[in-house]
């Protein structure tokens, strides 16, 4: 957990993804289209030596459903794609991104 927390604090927005996951690609595109690409770090867990360990930690954080993609904003766990989209639709995502220095 400590390693994931450190990695999640590396930038304003951190996304843990998989190279074969279409939702990982979609969430990255979503953030890029909003100008977050400069303040976003993407870790592709299936390309990391400790990727399985990271994915287990993310599974525990998510609690249900697939853990990837997992998004952190300002070092805080936001959740998978459905949670990011819910925040966006409710108007809460942009203020979070601003507070984290992503916009």
PDB file of N, CA and C in Angstrom:
ATOM      1  N   UNK A   1       0.822  -1.196   0.000  1.00  0.00           N
ATOM      2  CA  UNK A   1       0.000   0.000   0.000  1.00  0.00           C
ATOM      3  C   UNK A   1       0.864   1.257   0.000  1.00  0.00           C
ATOM      4  N   UNK A   2       1.960   1.246   0.762  1.00  0.00           N
ATOM      5  CA  UNK A   2       2.827   2.424   0.828  1.00  0.00           C
ATOM      6  C   UNK A   2       3.386   2.776  -0.540  1.00  0.00           C
ATOM      7  N   UNK A   3       3.770   1.768  -1.297  1.00  0.00           N
ATOM      8  CA  UNK A   3       4.326   2.018  -2.636  1.00  0.00           C
ATOM      9  C   UNK A   3       3.280   2.672  -3.544  1.00  0.00           C
ATOM     10  N   UNK A   4       2.057   2.163  -3.515  1.00  0.00           N
ATOM     11  CA  UNK A   4       0.988   2.736  -4.339  1.00  0.00           C
ATOM     12  C   UNK A   4       0.719   4.174  -3.903  1.00  0.00           C
ATOM     13  N   UNK A   5       0.707   4.428  -2.607  1.00  0.00           N
ATOM     14  CA  UNK A   5       0.490   5.788  -2.097  1.00  0.00           C
ATOM     15  C   UNK A   5       1.584   6.730  -2.582  1.00  0.00           C
ATOM     16  N   UNK A   6       2.830   6.275  -2.530  1.00  0.00           N
ATOM     17  CA  UNK A   6       3.948   7.103  -3.034  1.00  0.00           C
ATOM     18  C   UNK A   6       3.799   7.360  -4.525  1.00  0.00           C
ATOM     19  N   UNK A   7       3.482   6.339  -5.285  1.00  0.00           N
ATOM     20  CA  UNK A   7       3.316   6.488  -6.732  1.00  0.00           C
ATOM     21  C   UNK A   7       2.157   7.437  -7.037  1.00  0.00           C
ATOM     22  N   UNK A   8       1.073   7.332  -6.266  1.00  0.00           N
ATOM     23  CA  UNK A   8      -0.118   8.153  -6.494  1.00  0.00           C
ATOM     24  C   UNK A   8       0.132   9.620  -6.171  1.00  0.00           C
ATOM     25  N   UNK A   9       1.171   9.902  -5.421  1.00  0.00           N
ATOM     26  CA  UNK A   9       1.493  11.281  -5.044  1.00  0.00           C
ATOM     27  C   UNK A   9       2.506  11.917  -5.981  1.00  0.00           C
ATOM     28  N   UNK A  10       2.915  11.227  -7.021  1.00  0.00           N
ATOM     29  CA  UNK A  10       3.954  11.703  -7.936  1.00  0.00           C
ATOM     30  C   UNK A  10       3.517  12.882  -8.795  1.00  0.00           C
ATOM     31  N   UNK A  11       2.216  13.021  -9.016  1.00  0.00           N
ATOM     32  CA  UNK A  11       1.714  14.077  -9.885  1.00  0.00           C
ATOM     33  C   UNK A  11       0.287  14.422  -9.472  1.00  0.00           C
ATOM     34  N   UNK A  12      -0.265  15.493 -10.036  1.00  0.00           N
ATOM     35  CA  UNK A  12      -1.616  15.928  -9.669  1.00  0.00           C
ATOM     36  C   UNK A  12      -2.653  14.857  -9.980  1.00  0.00           C
ATOM     37  N   UNK A  13      -2.497  14.179 -11.114  1.00  0.00           N
ATOM     38  CA  UNK A  13      -3.400  13.087 -11.501  1.00  0.00           C
ATOM     39  C   UNK A  13      -2.541  11.872 -11.820  1.00  0.00           C
ATOM     40  N   UNK A  14      -2.883  10.755 -11.211  1.00  0.00           N
ATOM     41  CA  UNK A  14      -2.171   9.501 -11.460  1.00  0.00           C
ATOM     42  C   UNK A  14      -3.211   8.447 -11.812  1.00  0.00           C
ATOM     43  N   UNK A  15      -2.959   7.767 -12.919  1.00  0.00           N
ATOM     44  CA  UNK A  15      -3.856   6.707 -13.376  1.00  0.00           C
ATOM     45  C   UNK A  15      -3.062   5.417 -13.464  1.00  0.00           C
ATOM     46  N   UNK A  16      -3.578   4.378 -12.828  1.00  0.00           N
ATOM     47  CA  UNK A  16      -3.020   3.039 -12.966  1.00  0.00           C
ATOM     48  C   UNK A  16      -3.847   2.348 -14.035  1.00  0.00           C
ATOM     49  N   UNK A  17      -3.181   1.895 -15.086  1.00  0.00           N
ATOM     50  CA  UNK A  17      -3.890   1.341 -16.238  1.00  0.00           C
ATOM     51  C   UNK A  17      -3.303  -0.005 -16.634  1.00  0.00           C
ATOM     52  N   UNK A  18      -3.898  -0.580 -17.671  1.00  0.00           N
ATOM     53  CA  UNK A  18      -3.374  -1.790 -18.318  1.00  0.00           C
ATOM     54  C   UNK A  18      -3.317  -1.520 -19.808  1.00  0.00           C
ATOM     55  N   UNK A  19      -2.316  -2.065 -20.458  1.00  0.00           N
ATOM     56  CA  UNK A  19      -2.125  -1.818 -21.886  1.00  0.00           C
ATOM     57  C   UNK A  19      -3.261  -2.393 -22.729  1.00  0.00           C
ATOM     58  N   UNK A  20      -3.942  -3.411 -22.238  1.00  0.00           N
ATOM     59  CA  UNK A  20      -5.002  -4.062 -23.007  1.00  0.00           C
ATOM     60  C   UNK A  20      -6.404  -3.622 -22.596  1.00  0.00           C
ATOM     61  N   UNK A  21      -6.506  -2.607 -21.741  1.00  0.00           N
ATOM     62  CA  UNK A  21      -7.799  -2.183 -21.191  1.00  0.00           C
ATOM     63  C   UNK A  21      -8.335  -0.973 -21.942  1.00  0.00           C
ATOM     64  N   UNK A  22      -9.484  -1.148 -22.587  1.00  0.00           N
ATOM     65  CA  UNK A  22     -10.069  -0.040 -23.343  1.00  0.00           C
ATOM     66  C   UNK A  22     -10.519   1.093 -22.421  1.00  0.00           C
ATOM     67  N   UNK A  23     -10.957   0.785 -21.211  1.00  0.00           N
ATOM     68  CA  UNK A  23     -11.361   1.838 -20.274  1.00  0.00           C
ATOM     69  C   UNK A  23     -10.144   2.634 -19.807  1.00  0.00           C
ATOM     70  N   UNK A  24      -8.984   2.002 -19.717  1.00  0.00           N
ATOM     71  CA  UNK A  24      -7.750   2.724 -19.381  1.00  0.00           C
ATOM     72  C   UNK A  24      -7.445   3.752 -20.458  1.00  0.00           C
ATOM     73  N   UNK A  25      -7.584   3.334 -21.698  1.00  0.00           N
ATOM     74  CA  UNK A  25      -7.360   4.254 -22.808  1.00  0.00           C
ATOM     75  C   UNK A  25      -8.394   5.384 -22.776  1.00  0.00           C
ATOM     76  N   UNK A  26      -9.644   5.044 -22.498  1.00  0.00           N
ATOM     77  CA  UNK A  26     -10.715   6.040 -22.478  1.00  0.00           C
ATOM     78  C   UNK A  26     -10.495   7.086 -21.384  1.00  0.00           C
ATOM     79  N   UNK A  27     -10.080   6.674 -20.187  1.00  0.00           N
ATOM     80  CA  UNK A  27      -9.899   7.631 -19.097  1.00  0.00           C
ATOM     81  C   UNK A  27      -8.701   8.534 -19.372  1.00  0.00           C
ATOM     82  N   UNK A  28      -7.654   7.983 -19.992  1.00  0.00           N
ATOM     83  CA  UNK A  28      -6.501   8.808 -20.366  1.00  0.00           C
ATOM     84  C   UNK A  28      -6.902   9.846 -21.412  1.00  0.00           C
ATOM     85  N   UNK A  29      -7.684   9.428 -22.392  1.00  0.00           N
ATOM     86  CA  UNK A  29      -8.165  10.348 -23.419  1.00  0.00           C
ATOM     87  C   UNK A  29      -9.050  11.421 -22.796  1.00  0.00           C
ATOM     88  N   UNK A  30      -9.914  11.022 -21.896  1.00  0.00           N
ATOM     89  CA  UNK A  30     -10.796  11.957 -21.201  1.00  0.00           C
ATOM     90  C   UNK A  30      -9.985  13.066 -20.516  1.00  0.00           C
ATOM     91  N   UNK A  31      -8.958  12.685 -19.775  1.00  0.00           N
ATOM     92  CA  UNK A  31      -8.132  13.681 -19.081  1.00  0.00           C
ATOM     93  C   UNK A  31      -7.319  14.523 -20.065  1.00  0.00           C
ATOM     94  N   UNK A  32      -6.786  13.891 -21.099  1.00  0.00           N
ATOM     95  CA  UNK A  32      -6.027  14.639 -22.118  1.00  0.00           C
ATOM     96  C   UNK A  32      -6.890  15.722 -22.760  1.00  0.00           C
ATOM     97  N   UNK A  33      -8.129  15.383 -23.078  1.00  0.00           N
ATOM     98  CA  UNK A  33      -9.031  16.333 -23.722  1.00  0.00           C
ATOM     99  C   UNK A  33      -9.372  17.514 -22.819  1.00  0.00           C
ATOM    100  N   UNK A  34      -9.165  17.361 -21.541  1.00  0.00           N
ATOM    101  CA  UNK A  34      -9.422  18.442 -20.595  1.00  0.00           C
ATOM    102  C   UNK A  34      -8.146  19.192 -20.216  1.00  0.00           C
ATOM    103  N   UNK A  35      -7.044  18.861 -20.862  1.00  0.00           N
ATOM    104  CA  UNK A  35      -5.792  19.570 -20.630  1.00  0.00           C
ATOM    105  C   UNK A  35      -5.012  19.096 -19.424  1.00  0.00           C
ATOM    106  N   UNK A  36      -5.300  17.892 -18.954  1.00  0.00           N
ATOM    107  CA  UNK A  36      -4.648  17.365 -17.761  1.00  0.00           C
ATOM    108  C   UNK A  36      -3.384  16.581 -18.102  1.00  0.00           C
ATOM    109  N   UNK A  37      -3.066  16.405 -19.380  1.00  0.00           N
ATOM    110  CA  UNK A  37      -1.963  15.537 -19.786  1.00  0.00           C
ATOM    111  C   UNK A  37      -0.611  15.942 -19.199  1.00  0.00           C
ATOM    112  N   UNK A  38      -0.372  17.222 -18.979  1.00  0.00           N
ATOM    113  CA  UNK A  38       0.923  17.660 -18.446  1.00  0.00           C
ATOM    114  C   UNK A  38       1.062  17.286 -16.978  1.00  0.00           C
ATOM    115  N   UNK A  39      -0.029  17.279 -16.252  1.00  0.00           N
ATOM    116  CA  UNK A  39       0.007  16.997 -14.819  1.00  0.00           C
ATOM    117  C   UNK A  39      -0.477  15.584 -14.505  1.00  0.00           C
ATOM    118  N   UNK A  40      -0.401  14.684 -15.488  1.00  0.00           N
ATOM    119  CA  UNK A  40      -0.882  13.320 -15.296  1.00  0.00           C
ATOM    120  C   UNK A  40       0.259  12.332 -15.505  1.00  0.00           C
ATOM    121  N   UNK A  41       0.326  11.370 -14.603  1.00  0.00           N
ATOM    122  CA  UNK A  41       1.251  10.252 -14.739  1.00  0.00           C
ATOM    123  C   UNK A  41       0.418   8.994 -14.914  1.00  0.00           C
ATOM    124  N   UNK A  42       0.802   8.165 -15.859  1.00  0.00           N
ATOM    125  CA  UNK A  42       0.109   6.899 -16.095  1.00  0.00           C
ATOM    126  C   UNK A  42       1.086   5.768 -15.817  1.00  0.00           C
ATOM    127  N   UNK A  43       0.681   4.854 -14.945  1.00  0.00           N
ATOM    128  CA  UNK A  43       1.452   3.638 -14.680  1.00  0.00           C
ATOM    129  C   UNK A  43       0.704   2.480 -15.311  1.00  0.00           C
ATOM    130  N   UNK A  44       1.338   1.806 -16.243  1.00  0.00           N
ATOM    131  CA  UNK A  44       0.734   0.653 -16.903  1.00  0.00           C
ATOM    132  C   UNK A  44       1.180  -0.589 -16.127  1.00  0.00           C
ATOM    133  N   UNK A  45       0.291  -1.102 -15.283  1.00  0.00           N
ATOM    134  CA  UNK A  45       0.673  -2.134 -14.326  1.00  0.00           C
ATOM    135  C   UNK A  45       1.155  -3.427 -14.976  1.00  0.00           C
ATOM    136  N   UNK A  46       0.635  -3.766 -16.146  1.00  0.00           N
ATOM    137  CA  UNK A  46       1.098  -5.004 -16.778  1.00  0.00           C
ATOM    138  C   UNK A  46       2.482  -4.852 -17.410  1.00  0.00           C
ATOM    139  N   UNK A  47       3.050  -3.664 -17.340  1.00  0.00           N
ATOM    140  CA  UNK A  47       4.406  -3.439 -17.829  1.00  0.00           C
ATOM    141  C   UNK A  47       5.392  -3.166 -16.684  1.00  0.00           C
ATOM    142  N   UNK A  48       4.915  -3.192 -15.454  1.00  0.00           N
ATOM    143  CA  UNK A  48       5.754  -2.951 -14.288  1.00  0.00           C
ATOM    144  C   UNK A  48       6.163  -4.277 -13.655  1.00  0.00           C
ATOM    145  N   UNK A  49       7.386  -4.364 -13.135  1.00  0.00           N
ATOM    146  CA  UNK A  49       7.824  -5.612 -12.513  1.00  0.00           C
ATOM    147  C   UNK A  49       6.967  -6.023 -11.310  1.00  0.00           C
ATOM    148  N   UNK A  50       6.439  -5.066 -10.590  1.00  0.00           N
ATOM    149  CA  UNK A  50       5.602  -5.359  -9.428  1.00  0.00           C
ATOM    150  C   UNK A  50       4.124  -5.082  -9.709  1.00  0.00           C
ATOM    151  N   UNK A  51       3.736  -5.200 -10.963  1.00  0.00           N
ATOM    152  CA  UNK A  51       2.383  -4.867 -11.383  1.00  0.00           C
ATOM    153  C   UNK A  51       1.294  -5.691 -10.726  1.00  0.00           C
ATOM    154  N   UNK A  52       1.535  -6.969 -10.523  1.00  0.00           N
ATOM    155  CA  UNK A  52       0.508  -7.821  -9.892  1.00  0.00           C
ATOM    156  C   UNK A  52       0.268  -7.393  -8.445  1.00  0.00           C
ATOM    157  N   UNK A  53       1.330  -7.029  -7.760  1.00  0.00           N
ATOM    158  CA  UNK A  53       1.211  -6.555  -6.378  1.00  0.00           C
ATOM    159  C   UNK A  53       0.414  -5.246  -6.334  1.00  0.00           C
ATOM    160  N   UNK A  54       0.717  -4.341  -7.245  1.00  0.00           N
ATOM    161  CA  UNK A  54      -0.003  -3.065  -7.320  1.00  0.00           C
ATOM    162  C   UNK A  54      -1.478  -3.311  -7.617  1.00  0.00           C
ATOM    163  N   UNK A  55      -1.757  -4.209  -8.525  1.00  0.00           N
ATOM    164  CA  UNK A  55      -3.144  -4.513  -8.873  1.00  0.00           C
ATOM    165  C   UNK A  55      -3.900  -5.095  -7.685  1.00  0.00           C
ATOM    166  N   UNK A  56      -3.245  -5.915  -6.862  1.00  0.00           N
ATOM    167  CA  UNK A  56      -3.891  -6.453  -5.655  1.00  0.00           C
ATOM    168  C   UNK A  56      -4.256  -5.333  -4.684  1.00  0.00           C
ATOM    169  N   UNK A  57      -3.348  -4.372  -4.519  1.00  0.00           N
ATOM    170  CA  UNK A  57      -3.627  -3.228  -3.635  1.00  0.00           C
ATOM    171  C   UNK A  57      -4.809  -2.431  -4.172  1.00  0.00           C
ATOM    172  N   UNK A  58      -4.832  -2.200  -5.480  1.00  0.00           N
ATOM    173  CA  UNK A  58      -5.932  -1.451  -6.092  1.00  0.00           C
ATOM    174  C   UNK A  58      -7.252  -2.196  -5.960  1.00  0.00           C
ATOM    175  N   UNK A  59      -7.223  -3.509  -6.068  1.00  0.00           N
ATOM    176  CA  UNK A  59      -8.424  -4.324  -5.886  1.00  0.00           C
ATOM    177  C   UNK A  59      -8.998  -4.101  -4.491  1.00  0.00           C
ATOM    178  N   UNK A  60      -8.138  -4.053  -3.486  1.00  0.00           N
ATOM    179  CA  UNK A  60      -8.591  -3.800  -2.117  1.00  0.00           C
ATOM    180  C   UNK A  60      -9.185  -2.401  -1.971  1.00  0.00           C
ATOM    181  N   UNK A  61      -8.621  -1.419  -2.671  1.00  0.00           N
ATOM    182  CA  UNK A  61      -9.144  -0.054  -2.602  1.00  0.00           C
ATOM    183  C   UNK A  61     -10.520   0.056  -3.254  1.00  0.00           C
ATOM    184  N   UNK A  62     -10.664  -0.565  -4.412  1.00  0.00           N
ATOM    185  CA  UNK A  62     -11.916  -0.479  -5.168  1.00  0.00           C
ATOM    186  C   UNK A  62     -13.011  -1.267  -4.454  1.00  0.00           C
ATOM    187  N   UNK A  63     -12.671  -2.429  -3.945  1.00  0.00           N
ATOM    188  CA  UNK A  63     -13.643  -3.225  -3.202  1.00  0.00           C
ATOM    189  C   UNK A  63     -14.490  -4.138  -4.048  1.00  0.00           C
ATOM    190  N   UNK A  64     -14.904  -3.668  -5.205  1.00  0.00           N
ATOM    191  CA  UNK A  64     -15.718  -4.500  -6.101  1.00  0.00           C
ATOM    192  C   UNK A  64     -15.424  -4.079  -7.531  1.00  0.00           C
ATOM    193  N   UNK A  65     -15.663  -4.983  -8.440  1.00  0.00           N
ATOM    194  CA  UNK A  65     -15.423  -4.665  -9.841  1.00  0.00           C
ATOM    195  C   UNK A  65     -13.944  -4.619 -10.166  1.00  0.00           C
ATOM    196  N   UNK A  66     -13.630  -4.356 -11.414  1.00  0.00           N
ATOM    197  CA  UNK A  66     -12.223  -4.322 -11.829  1.00  0.00           C
ATOM    198  C   UNK A  66     -11.512  -3.103 -11.229  1.00  0.00           C
ATOM    199  N   UNK A  67     -10.289  -3.288 -10.767  1.00  0.00           N
ATOM    200  CA  UNK A  67      -9.553  -2.192 -10.144  1.00  0.00           C
ATOM    201  C   UNK A  67      -8.891  -1.238 -11.131  1.00  0.00           C
ATOM    202  N   UNK A  68      -8.866  -1.624 -12.391  1.00  0.00           N
ATOM    203  CA  UNK A  68      -8.147  -0.860 -13.412  1.00  0.00           C
ATOM    204  C   UNK A  68      -9.158  -0.320 -14.414  1.00  0.00           C
ATOM    205  N   UNK A  69      -9.083   0.934 -14.809  1.00  0.00           N
ATOM    206  CA  UNK A  69      -8.137   1.954 -14.382  1.00  0.00           C
ATOM    207  C   UNK A  69      -8.528   2.532 -13.022  1.00  0.00           C
ATOM    208  N   UNK A  70      -7.513   2.852 -12.241  1.00  0.00           N
ATOM    209  CA  UNK A  70      -7.710   3.467 -10.937  1.00  0.00           C
ATOM    210  C   UNK A  70      -7.110   4.860 -10.985  1.00  0.00           C
ATOM    211  N   UNK A  71      -7.879   5.854 -10.572  1.00  0.00           N
ATOM    212  CA  UNK A  71      -7.452   7.249 -10.670  1.00  0.00           C
ATOM    213  C   UNK A  71      -7.262   7.853  -9.287  1.00  0.00           C
ATOM    214  N   UNK A  72      -6.161   8.580  -9.152  1.00  0.00           N
ATOM    215  CA  UNK A  72      -5.861   9.346  -7.953  1.00  0.00           C
ATOM    216  C   UNK A  72      -5.754  10.807  -8.371  1.00  0.00           C
ATOM    217  N   UNK A  73      -6.332  11.693  -7.592  1.00  0.00           N
ATOM    218  CA  UNK A  73      -6.233  13.131  -7.844  1.00  0.00           C
ATOM    219  C   UNK A  73      -5.717  13.779  -6.571  1.00  0.00           C
ATOM    220  N   UNK A  74      -4.633  14.510  -6.702  1.00  0.00           N
ATOM    221  CA  UNK A  74      -4.026  15.138  -5.530  1.00  0.00           C
ATOM    222  C   UNK A  74      -3.580  14.132  -4.494  1.00  0.00           C
ATOM    223  N   UNK A  75      -3.200  12.948  -4.934  1.00  0.00           N
ATOM    224  CA  UNK A  75      -2.743  11.897  -4.030  1.00  0.00           C
ATOM    225  C   UNK A  75      -3.855  11.121  -3.359  1.00  0.00           C
ATOM    226  N   UNK A  76      -5.111  11.479  -3.630  1.00  0.00           N
ATOM    227  CA  UNK A  76      -6.256  10.812  -3.018  1.00  0.00           C
ATOM    228  C   UNK A  76      -6.927   9.887  -4.024  1.00  0.00           C
ATOM    229  N   UNK A  77      -7.278   8.711  -3.559  1.00  0.00           N
ATOM    230  CA  UNK A  77      -7.937   7.742  -4.422  1.00  0.00           C
ATOM    231  C   UNK A  77      -9.323   8.227  -4.785  1.00  0.00           C
ATOM    232  N   UNK A  78      -9.595   8.338  -6.087  1.00  0.00           N
ATOM    233  CA  UNK A  78     -10.901   8.745  -6.586  1.00  0.00           C
ATOM    234  C   UNK A  78     -11.713   7.511  -6.939  1.00  0.00           C
ATOM    235  N   UNK A  79     -11.086   6.588  -7.654  1.00  0.00           N
ATOM    236  CA  UNK A  79     -11.783   5.361  -8.001  1.00  0.00           C
ATOM    237  C   UNK A  79     -11.604   4.983  -9.451  1.00  0.00           C
ATOM    238  N   UNK A  80     -12.409   4.023  -9.885  1.00  0.00           N
ATOM    239  CA  UNK A  80     -12.357   3.585 -11.280  1.00  0.00           C
ATOM    240  C   UNK A  80     -13.107   4.574 -12.174  1.00  0.00           C
ATOM    241  N   UNK A  81     -13.196   4.264 -13.438  1.00  0.00           N
ATOM    242  CA  UNK A  81     -13.783   5.150 -14.442  1.00  0.00           C
ATOM    243  C   UNK A  81     -15.190   5.615 -14.075  1.00  0.00           C
ATOM    244  N   UNK A  82     -16.014   4.723 -13.596  1.00  0.00           N
ATOM    245  CA  UNK A  82     -17.401   5.094 -13.286  1.00  0.00           C
ATOM    246  C   UNK A  82     -17.449   6.195 -12.224  1.00  0.00           C
ATOM    247  N   UNK A  83     -16.551   6.167 -11.272  1.00  0.00           N
ATOM    248  CA  UNK A  83     -16.520   7.198 -10.224  1.00  0.00           C
ATOM    249  C   UNK A  83     -16.033   8.533 -10.798  1.00  0.00           C
ATOM    250  N   UNK A  84     -15.024   8.494 -11.667  1.00  0.00           N
ATOM    251  CA  UNK A  84     -14.524   9.715 -12.312  1.00  0.00           C
ATOM    252  C   UNK A  84     -15.635  10.346 -13.143  1.00  0.00           C
ATOM    253  N   UNK A  85     -16.349   9.541 -13.906  1.00  0.00           N
ATOM    254  CA  UNK A  85     -17.435  10.063 -14.744  1.00  0.00           C
ATOM    255  C   UNK A  85     -18.572  10.612 -13.895  1.00  0.00           C
ATOM    256  N   UNK A  86     -18.874   9.967 -12.788  1.00  0.00           N
ATOM    257  CA  UNK A  86     -19.904  10.451 -11.887  1.00  0.00           C
ATOM    258  C   UNK A  86     -19.527  11.825 -11.322  1.00  0.00           C
ATOM    259  N   UNK A  87     -18.271  11.989 -10.931  1.00  0.00           N
ATOM    260  CA  UNK A  87     -17.797  13.286 -10.440  1.00  0.00           C
ATOM    261  C   UNK A  87     -17.873  14.343 -11.540  1.00  0.00           C
ATOM    262  N   UNK A  88     -17.527  13.954 -12.747  1.00  0.00           N
ATOM    263  CA  UNK A  88     -17.580  14.878 -13.873  1.00  0.00           C
ATOM    264  C   UNK A  88     -19.017  15.337 -14.126  1.00  0.00           C
ATOM    265  N   UNK A  89     -19.939  14.399 -14.177  1.00  0.00           N
ATOM    266  CA  UNK A  89     -21.342  14.727 -14.459  1.00  0.00           C
ATOM    267  C   UNK A  89     -21.977  15.566 -13.351  1.00  0.00           C
ATOM    268  N   UNK A  90     -21.506  15.401 -12.130  1.00  0.00           N
ATOM    269  CA  UNK A  90     -22.057  16.168 -11.008  1.00  0.00           C
ATOM    270  C   UNK A  90     -21.382  17.534 -10.855  1.00  0.00           C
ATOM    271  N   UNK A  91     -20.359  17.807 -11.679  1.00  0.00           N
ATOM    272  CA  UNK A  91     -19.673  19.093 -11.607  1.00  0.00           C
ATOM    273  C   UNK A  91     -18.607  19.172 -10.529  1.00  0.00           C
ATOM    274  N   UNK A  92     -18.275  18.056  -9.917  1.00  0.00           N
ATOM    275  CA  UNK A  92     -17.292  18.045  -8.826  1.00  0.00           C
ATOM    276  C   UNK A  92     -15.870  17.748  -9.277  1.00  0.00           C
ATOM    277  N   UNK A  93     -15.707  17.231 -10.483  1.00  0.00           N
ATOM    278  CA  UNK A  93     -14.378  16.832 -10.938  1.00  0.00           C
ATOM    279  C   UNK A  93     -13.465  18.026 -11.206  1.00  0.00           C
ATOM    280  N   UNK A  94     -13.943  19.026 -11.919  1.00  0.00           N
ATOM    281  CA  UNK A  94     -13.106  20.183 -12.261  1.00  0.00           C
ATOM    282  C   UNK A  94     -12.577  20.877 -11.010  1.00  0.00           C
ATOM    283  N   UNK A  95     -13.412  21.131  -9.977  1.00  0.00           N
ATOM    284  CA  UNK A  95     -12.851  21.718  -8.762  1.00  0.00           C
ATOM    285  C   UNK A  95     -11.771  20.849  -8.106  1.00  0.00           C
ATOM    286  N   UNK A  96     -11.965  19.530  -8.148  1.00  0.00           N
ATOM    287  CA  UNK A  96     -10.939  18.624  -7.602  1.00  0.00           C
ATOM    288  C   UNK A  96      -9.638  18.766  -8.381  1.00  0.00           C
ATOM    289  N   UNK A  97      -9.750  18.822  -9.700  1.00  0.00           N
ATOM    290  CA  UNK A  97      -8.560  18.959 -10.549  1.00  0.00           C
ATOM    291  C   UNK A  97      -7.874  20.295 -10.300  1.00  0.00           C
ATOM    292  N   UNK A  98      -8.653  21.344 -10.133  1.00  0.00           N
ATOM    293  CA  UNK A  98      -8.069  22.663  -9.842  1.00  0.00           C
ATOM    294  C   UNK A  98      -7.350  22.663  -8.495  1.00  0.00           C
ATOM    295  N   UNK A  99      -8.005  22.108  -7.482  1.00  0.00           N
ATOM    296  CA  UNK A  99      -7.408  22.053  -6.151  1.00  0.00           C
ATOM    297  C   UNK A  99      -6.099  21.270  -6.139  1.00  0.00           C
ATOM    298  N   UNK A 100      -6.000  20.260  -7.001  1.00  0.00           N
ATOM    299  CA  UNK A 100      -4.795  19.435  -7.070  1.00  0.00           C
ATOM    300  C   UNK A 100      -3.711  20.071  -7.949  1.00  0.00           C
ATOM    301  N   UNK A 101      -4.060  21.164  -8.630  1.00  0.00           N
ATOM    302  CA  UNK A 101      -3.093  21.809  -9.509  1.00  0.00           C
ATOM    303  C   UNK A 101      -3.006  21.190 -10.883  1.00  0.00           C
ATOM    304  N   UNK A 102      -4.016  20.402 -11.244  1.00  0.00           N
ATOM    305  CA  UNK A 102      -4.024  19.740 -12.548  1.00  0.00           C
ATOM    306  C   UNK A 102      -4.541  20.643 -13.654  1.00  0.00           C
ATOM    307  N   UNK A 103      -5.275  21.688 -13.292  1.00  0.00           N
ATOM    308  CA  UNK A 103      -5.811  22.635 -14.281  1.00  0.00           C
ATOM    309  C   UNK A 103      -5.350  24.033 -13.930  1.00  0.00           C
TER     310      UNK A 103
END
